[in-house]
Amino acid sequence: MGNIFERKINYYETDRMGVVHHSNYIRFLEEARCDWLEKAGMPFSVLEENGITIPVLGVNCTYKYHVTFDDIIIISVFIKEYTGVRMTVGYEVKDKKNGKVVLLGETKHCFTDKNLKPINLKKYAPDFSSKIENL
């Protein structure tokens, strides 16, 4: 089951044409991912206290529609793939007022210890791993 994150567009996030600049969506996806992990009982602060980091390995976005200042977007966050070593998170961003898909995207991640050494979360932190598997 995915998570829903709602966000209002700020004026400074738009370009000269009044449309949200494409680079801001990467931030929006991260905000939604952080919210999703927090709601799942795994806020970044707790993960880091347990020596776990989740670096981003790649981002892929397909822009379908635009939004502007004061629009509200709804971001659905869900797991596309999880192996214990790597995770792919999917996103669907919609315009709240008309339901149009604004963006389809994904971020690819791995799990590391505090020294950025890759770990298998299933072995390193089975309790966190099971939470992710339940998502």
C-alpha atoms as a PDB file:
ATOM      1  CA  MET A   1       0.000   0.000   0.000  1.00  0.00           C
ATOM      2  CA  GLY A   2       1.348   3.394  -0.951  1.00  0.00           C
ATOM      3  CA  ASN A   3       1.424   6.709   0.800  1.00  0.00           C
ATOM      4  CA  ILE A   4      -0.251   9.945  -0.273  1.00  0.00           C
ATOM      5  CA  PHE A   5       1.574  13.243   0.194  1.00  0.00           C
ATOM      6  CA  GLU A   6      -0.113  16.563  -0.558  1.00  0.00           C
ATOM      7  CA  ARG A   7       1.795  19.767  -1.305  1.00  0.00           C
ATOM      8  CA  LYS A   8       0.959  23.323  -2.388  1.00  0.00           C
ATOM      9  CA  ILE A   9       3.170  24.912  -5.056  1.00  0.00           C
ATOM     10  CA  ASN A  10       5.090  28.011  -3.980  1.00  0.00           C
ATOM     11  CA  TYR A  11       5.634  31.001  -6.256  1.00  0.00           C
ATOM     12  CA  TYR A  12       9.426  30.708  -6.096  1.00  0.00           C
ATOM     13  CA  GLU A  13       9.207  27.177  -7.533  1.00  0.00           C
ATOM     14  CA  THR A  14       7.919  28.450 -10.853  1.00  0.00           C
ATOM     15  CA  ASP A  15       9.856  29.674 -13.889  1.00  0.00           C
ATOM     16  CA  ARG A  16       9.359  32.743 -16.098  1.00  0.00           C
ATOM     17  CA  MET A  17       6.359  31.073 -17.729  1.00  0.00           C
ATOM     18  CA  GLY A  18       4.683  30.538 -14.348  1.00  0.00           C
ATOM     19  CA  VAL A  19       5.114  26.758 -14.540  1.00  0.00           C
ATOM     20  CA  VAL A  20       6.859  24.695 -11.865  1.00  0.00           C
ATOM     21  CA  HIS A  21      10.487  24.312 -12.935  1.00  0.00           C
ATOM     22  CA  HIS A  22      11.259  20.668 -13.690  1.00  0.00           C
ATOM     23  CA  SER A  23      14.158  20.512 -11.214  1.00  0.00           C
ATOM     24  CA  ASN A  24      11.810  21.141  -8.276  1.00  0.00           C
ATOM     25  CA  TYR A  25      10.070  17.815  -8.764  1.00  0.00           C
ATOM     26  CA  ILE A  26      13.165  16.009  -7.464  1.00  0.00           C
ATOM     27  CA  ARG A  27      12.704  17.892  -4.179  1.00  0.00           C
ATOM     28  CA  PHE A  28       8.985  17.128  -4.141  1.00  0.00           C
ATOM     29  CA  LEU A  29       9.689  13.408  -4.560  1.00  0.00           C
ATOM     30  CA  GLU A  30      12.174  13.509  -1.686  1.00  0.00           C
ATOM     31  CA  GLU A  31       9.665  15.315   0.551  1.00  0.00           C
ATOM     32  CA  ALA A  32       7.070  12.648  -0.274  1.00  0.00           C
ATOM     33  CA  ARG A  33       9.575   9.808   0.314  1.00  0.00           C
ATOM     34  CA  CYS A  34      10.599  11.239   3.714  1.00  0.00           C
ATOM     35  CA  ASP A  35       6.938  11.597   4.708  1.00  0.00           C
ATOM     36  CA  TRP A  36       6.256   8.027   3.568  1.00  0.00           C
ATOM     37  CA  LEU A  37       9.159   6.594   5.601  1.00  0.00           C
ATOM     38  CA  GLU A  38       8.120   8.608   8.650  1.00  0.00           C
ATOM     39  CA  LYS A  39       4.531   7.352   8.451  1.00  0.00           C
ATOM     40  CA  ALA A  40       5.909   3.807   8.137  1.00  0.00           C
ATOM     41  CA  GLY A  41       7.799   4.275  11.423  1.00  0.00           C
ATOM     42  CA  MET A  42      11.189   4.776   9.802  1.00  0.00           C
ATOM     43  CA  PRO A  43      11.999   8.496   9.840  1.00  0.00           C
ATOM     44  CA  PHE A  44      15.481   9.304   8.564  1.00  0.00           C
ATOM     45  CA  SER A  45      16.540  10.334  12.077  1.00  0.00           C
ATOM     46  CA  VAL A  46      15.762   6.853  13.432  1.00  0.00           C
ATOM     47  CA  LEU A  47      17.399   5.115  10.468  1.00  0.00           C
ATOM     48  CA  GLU A  48      20.537   7.205  10.938  1.00  0.00           C
ATOM     49  CA  GLU A  49      20.540   6.541  14.714  1.00  0.00           C
ATOM     50  CA  ASN A  50      20.671   2.869  13.727  1.00  0.00           C
ATOM     51  CA  GLY A  51      23.570   3.473  11.341  1.00  0.00           C
ATOM     52  CA  ILE A  52      21.492   3.189   8.152  1.00  0.00           C
ATOM     53  CA  THR A  53      21.547   5.554   5.191  1.00  0.00           C
ATOM     54  CA  ILE A  54      19.582   5.277   1.943  1.00  0.00           C
ATOM     55  CA  PRO A  55      21.500   7.143  -0.769  1.00  0.00           C
ATOM     56  CA  VAL A  56      19.869   7.916  -4.094  1.00  0.00           C
ATOM     57  CA  LEU A  57      21.511   6.058  -6.985  1.00  0.00           C
ATOM     58  CA  GLY A  58      19.307   7.416  -9.745  1.00  0.00           C
ATOM     59  CA  VAL A  59      16.190   9.381 -10.595  1.00  0.00           C
ATOM     60  CA  ASN A  60      13.904   8.949 -13.581  1.00  0.00           C
ATOM     61  CA  CYS A  61      11.006  11.327 -14.300  1.00  0.00           C
ATOM     62  CA  THR A  62       8.522  11.599 -17.133  1.00  0.00           C
ATOM     63  CA  TYR A  63       6.714  14.921 -17.195  1.00  0.00           C
ATOM     64  CA  LYS A  64       3.110  14.620 -18.405  1.00  0.00           C
ATOM     65  CA  TYR A  65       1.390  17.883 -17.477  1.00  0.00           C
ATOM     66  CA  HIS A  66       2.245  21.141 -15.722  1.00  0.00           C
ATOM     67  CA  VAL A  67       1.182  22.843 -12.532  1.00  0.00           C
ATOM     68  CA  THR A  68       1.600  26.454 -11.474  1.00  0.00           C
ATOM     69  CA  PHE A  69       1.711  28.653  -8.370  1.00  0.00           C
ATOM     70  CA  ASP A  70      -0.951  27.837  -5.765  1.00  0.00           C
ATOM     71  CA  ASP A  71      -1.825  24.485  -7.361  1.00  0.00           C
ATOM     72  CA  ILE A  72      -1.879  21.490  -5.052  1.00  0.00           C
ATOM     73  CA  ILE A  73      -0.199  18.276  -6.073  1.00  0.00           C
ATOM     74  CA  ILE A  74      -0.836  14.829  -4.679  1.00  0.00           C
ATOM     75  CA  ILE A  75       2.121  12.446  -4.729  1.00  0.00           C
ATOM     76  CA  SER A  76       1.534   8.705  -4.395  1.00  0.00           C
ATOM     77  CA  VAL A  77       4.631   6.854  -3.178  1.00  0.00           C
ATOM     78  CA  PHE A  78       5.075   3.085  -3.464  1.00  0.00           C
ATOM     79  CA  ILE A  79       7.711   0.353  -3.577  1.00  0.00           C
ATOM     80  CA  LYS A  80       8.443  -0.943  -7.060  1.00  0.00           C
ATOM     81  CA  GLU A  81      11.271  -3.282  -6.051  1.00  0.00           C
ATOM     82  CA  TYR A  82      13.015  -4.281  -2.824  1.00  0.00           C
ATOM     83  CA  THR A  83      15.854  -6.795  -2.475  1.00  0.00           C
ATOM     84  CA  GLY A  84      17.294  -5.878   0.931  1.00  0.00           C
ATOM     85  CA  VAL A  85      20.336  -4.345  -0.772  1.00  0.00           C
ATOM     86  CA  ARG A  86      18.507  -2.090  -3.240  1.00  0.00           C
ATOM     87  CA  MET A  87      15.111  -0.446  -3.435  1.00  0.00           C
ATOM     88  CA  THR A  88      13.199   1.290  -6.225  1.00  0.00           C
ATOM     89  CA  VAL A  89      10.512   3.742  -5.134  1.00  0.00           C
ATOM     90  CA  GLY A  90       7.761   4.759  -7.568  1.00  0.00           C
ATOM     91  CA  TYR A  91       5.863   8.040  -7.677  1.00  0.00           C
ATOM     92  CA  GLU A  92       2.729   9.313  -9.354  1.00  0.00           C
ATOM     93  CA  VAL A  93       2.163  13.064  -9.089  1.00  0.00           C
ATOM     94  CA  LYS A  94      -1.323  14.388  -9.848  1.00  0.00           C
ATOM     95  CA  ASP A  95      -2.893  17.830  -9.993  1.00  0.00           C
ATOM     96  CA  LYS A  96      -5.475  17.835  -7.181  1.00  0.00           C
ATOM     97  CA  LYS A  97      -7.921  20.159  -8.974  1.00  0.00           C
ATOM     98  CA  ASN A  98      -8.327  18.081 -12.138  1.00  0.00           C
ATOM     99  CA  GLY A  99      -6.759  14.690 -11.381  1.00  0.00           C
ATOM    100  CA  LYS A 100      -4.360  14.894 -14.322  1.00  0.00           C
ATOM    101  CA  VAL A 101      -1.092  13.009 -14.010  1.00  0.00           C
ATOM    102  CA  VAL A 102       1.695  15.589 -13.798  1.00  0.00           C
ATOM    103  CA  LEU A 103       4.659  13.250 -13.435  1.00  0.00           C
ATOM    104  CA  LEU A 104       5.545   9.579 -13.276  1.00  0.00           C
ATOM    105  CA  GLY A 105       8.861   8.845 -11.647  1.00  0.00           C
ATOM    106  CA  GLU A 106      11.109   6.558  -9.702  1.00  0.00           C
ATOM    107  CA  THR A 107      14.168   6.783  -7.501  1.00  0.00           C
ATOM    108  CA  LYS A 108      16.676   3.987  -7.084  1.00  0.00           C
ATOM    109  CA  HIS A 109      18.411   3.510  -3.742  1.00  0.00           C
ATOM    110  CA  CYS A 110      20.790   1.241  -1.899  1.00  0.00           C
ATOM    111  CA  PHE A 111      21.255   0.741   1.828  1.00  0.00           C
ATOM    112  CA  THR A 112      24.557   1.584   3.514  1.00  0.00           C
ATOM    113  CA  ASP A 113      26.027   1.782   6.967  1.00  0.00           C
ATOM    114  CA  LYS A 114      27.228   5.096   8.404  1.00  0.00           C
ATOM    115  CA  ASN A 115      30.542   4.650   6.527  1.00  0.00           C
ATOM    116  CA  LEU A 116      28.623   4.307   3.226  1.00  0.00           C
ATOM    117  CA  LYS A 117      29.490   0.606   2.973  1.00  0.00           C
ATOM    118  CA  PRO A 118      26.646  -1.299   1.245  1.00  0.00           C
ATOM    119  CA  ILE A 119      24.570  -3.499   3.541  1.00  0.00           C
ATOM    120  CA  ASN A 120      21.782  -6.016   3.189  1.00  0.00           C
ATOM    121  CA  LEU A 121      18.981  -4.539   5.274  1.00  0.00           C
ATOM    122  CA  LYS A 122      17.415  -7.998   5.698  1.00  0.00           C
ATOM    123  CA  LYS A 123      20.491  -9.069   7.700  1.00  0.00           C
ATOM    124  CA  TYR A 124      21.647  -5.723   9.121  1.00  0.00           C
ATOM    125  CA  ALA A 125      18.256  -4.537  10.426  1.00  0.00           C
ATOM    126  CA  PRO A 126      15.526  -7.179   9.948  1.00  0.00           C
ATOM    127  CA  ASP A 127      12.952  -5.061  11.803  1.00  0.00           C
ATOM    128  CA  PHE A 128      13.318  -2.187   9.300  1.00  0.00           C
ATOM    129  CA  SER A 129      13.450  -4.650   6.418  1.00  0.00           C
ATOM    130  CA  SER A 130      10.128  -6.210   7.431  1.00  0.00           C
ATOM    131  CA  LYS A 131       8.536  -2.747   7.616  1.00  0.00           C
ATOM    132  CA  ILE A 132       9.645  -2.070   4.043  1.00  0.00           C
ATOM    133  CA  GLU A 133       8.429  -5.490   2.908  1.00  0.00           C
ATOM    134  CA  ASN A 134       5.027  -4.695   4.445  1.00  0.00           C
ATOM    135  CA  LEU A 135       4.815  -1.517   2.370  1.00  0.00           C
END
